[in-house]
Amino acid sequence: LKDLLDNRKQRILSTIRNSEELR
């Protein structure tokens, strides 16, 4: 369960980083 949460968090962080790069 913790692994899944971590994976989700990392994915969200990656998306946010990508969004910032696009800006």
PDB file of N, CA and C in Angstrom:
ATOM      1  N   LEU A   1       0.854  -1.199   0.000  1.00  0.00           N
ATOM      2  CA  LEU A   1       0.000   0.000   0.000  1.00  0.00           C
ATOM      3  C   LEU A   1       0.893   1.254   0.000  1.00  0.00           C
ATOM      4  N   LYS A   2       1.902   1.241   0.841  1.00  0.00           N
ATOM      5  CA  LYS A   2       2.786   2.415   0.873  1.00  0.00           C
ATOM      6  C   LYS A   2       3.458   2.600  -0.495  1.00  0.00           C
ATOM      7  N   ASP A   3       3.850   1.493  -1.085  1.00  0.00           N
ATOM      8  CA  ASP A   3       4.508   1.585  -2.401  1.00  0.00           C
ATOM      9  C   ASP A   3       3.573   2.233  -3.415  1.00  0.00           C
ATOM     10  N   LEU A   4       2.327   1.830  -3.365  1.00  0.00           N
ATOM     11  CA  LEU A   4       1.353   2.367  -4.328  1.00  0.00           C
ATOM     12  C   LEU A   4       1.208   3.880  -4.125  1.00  0.00           C
ATOM     13  N   LEU A   5       1.128   4.283  -2.882  1.00  0.00           N
ATOM     14  CA  LEU A   5       0.974   5.715  -2.588  1.00  0.00           C
ATOM     15  C   LEU A   5       2.202   6.471  -3.078  1.00  0.00           C
ATOM     16  N   ASP A   6       3.368   5.906  -2.814  1.00  0.00           N
ATOM     17  CA  ASP A   6       4.608   6.552  -3.244  1.00  0.00           C
ATOM     18  C   ASP A   6       4.618   6.692  -4.765  1.00  0.00           C
ATOM     19  N   ASN A   7       4.208   5.639  -5.427  1.00  0.00           N
ATOM     20  CA  ASN A   7       4.193   5.665  -6.896  1.00  0.00           C
ATOM     21  C   ASN A   7       3.251   6.769  -7.371  1.00  0.00           C
ATOM     22  N   ARG A   8       2.128   6.855  -6.742  1.00  0.00           N
ATOM     23  CA  ARG A   8       1.133   7.869  -7.148  1.00  0.00           C
ATOM     24  C   ARG A   8       1.720   9.262  -6.905  1.00  0.00           C
ATOM     25  N   LYS A   9       2.334   9.427  -5.749  1.00  0.00           N
ATOM     26  CA  LYS A   9       2.925  10.733  -5.417  1.00  0.00           C
ATOM     27  C   LYS A   9       3.992  11.106  -6.460  1.00  0.00           C
ATOM     28  N   GLN A  10       4.837  10.144  -6.770  1.00  0.00           N
ATOM     29  CA  GLN A  10       5.902  10.418  -7.746  1.00  0.00           C
ATOM     30  C   GLN A  10       5.304  10.780  -9.103  1.00  0.00           C
ATOM     31  N   ARG A  11       4.252  10.100  -9.465  1.00  0.00           N
ATOM     32  CA  ARG A  11       3.620  10.363 -10.775  1.00  0.00           C
ATOM     33  C   ARG A  11       3.060  11.792 -10.781  1.00  0.00           C
ATOM     34  N   ILE A  12       2.407  12.175  -9.701  1.00  0.00           N
ATOM     35  CA  ILE A  12       1.838  13.533  -9.621  1.00  0.00           C
ATOM     36  C   ILE A  12       2.972  14.563  -9.679  1.00  0.00           C
ATOM     37  N   LEU A  13       4.034  14.280  -8.927  1.00  0.00           N
ATOM     38  CA  LEU A  13       5.171  15.214  -8.917  1.00  0.00           C
ATOM     39  C   LEU A  13       5.735  15.349 -10.326  1.00  0.00           C
ATOM     40  N   SER A  14       5.837  14.235 -11.011  1.00  0.00           N
ATOM     41  CA  SER A  14       6.367  14.245 -12.388  1.00  0.00           C
ATOM     42  C   SER A  14       5.465  15.102 -13.284  1.00  0.00           C
ATOM     43  N   THR A  15       4.184  14.931 -13.127  1.00  0.00           N
ATOM     44  CA  THR A  15       3.239  15.707 -13.960  1.00  0.00           C
ATOM     45  C   THR A  15       3.383  17.200 -13.665  1.00  0.00           C
ATOM     46  N   ILE A  16       3.483  17.530 -12.390  1.00  0.00           N
ATOM     47  CA  ILE A  16       3.623  18.954 -12.025  1.00  0.00           C
ATOM     48  C   ILE A  16       4.915  19.503 -12.622  1.00  0.00           C
ATOM     49  N   ARG A  17       5.983  18.721 -12.526  1.00  0.00           N
ATOM     50  CA  ARG A  17       7.276  19.182 -13.069  1.00  0.00           C
ATOM     51  C   ARG A  17       7.127  19.392 -14.574  1.00  0.00           C
ATOM     52  N   ASN A  18       6.469  18.486 -15.231  1.00  0.00           N
ATOM     53  CA  ASN A  18       6.291  18.589 -16.688  1.00  0.00           C
ATOM     54  C   ASN A  18       5.491  19.854 -17.001  1.00  0.00           C
ATOM     55  N   SER A  19       4.480  20.106 -16.216  1.00  0.00           N
ATOM     56  CA  SER A  19       3.620  21.280 -16.448  1.00  0.00           C
ATOM     57  C   SER A  19       4.465  22.551 -16.290  1.00  0.00           C
ATOM     58  N   GLU A  20       5.320  22.562 -15.279  1.00  0.00           N
ATOM     59  CA  GLU A  20       6.161  23.745 -15.049  1.00  0.00           C
ATOM     60  C   GLU A  20       7.110  23.942 -16.225  1.00  0.00           C
ATOM     61  N   GLU A  21       7.626  22.848 -16.744  1.00  0.00           N
ATOM     62  CA  GLU A  21       8.558  22.947 -17.878  1.00  0.00           C
ATOM     63  C   GLU A  21       7.844  23.496 -19.108  1.00  0.00           C
ATOM     64  N   LEU A  22       6.585  23.131 -19.251  1.00  0.00           N
ATOM     65  CA  LEU A  22       5.813  23.574 -20.427  1.00  0.00           C
ATOM     66  C   LEU A  22       5.550  25.086 -20.333  1.00  0.00           C
ATOM     67  N   ARG A  23       5.448  25.582 -19.131  1.00  0.00           N
ATOM     68  CA  ARG A  23       5.132  27.007 -18.954  1.00  0.00           C
ATOM     69  C   ARG A  23       6.223  27.888 -19.514  1.00  0.00           C
TER      70      ARG A  23
END
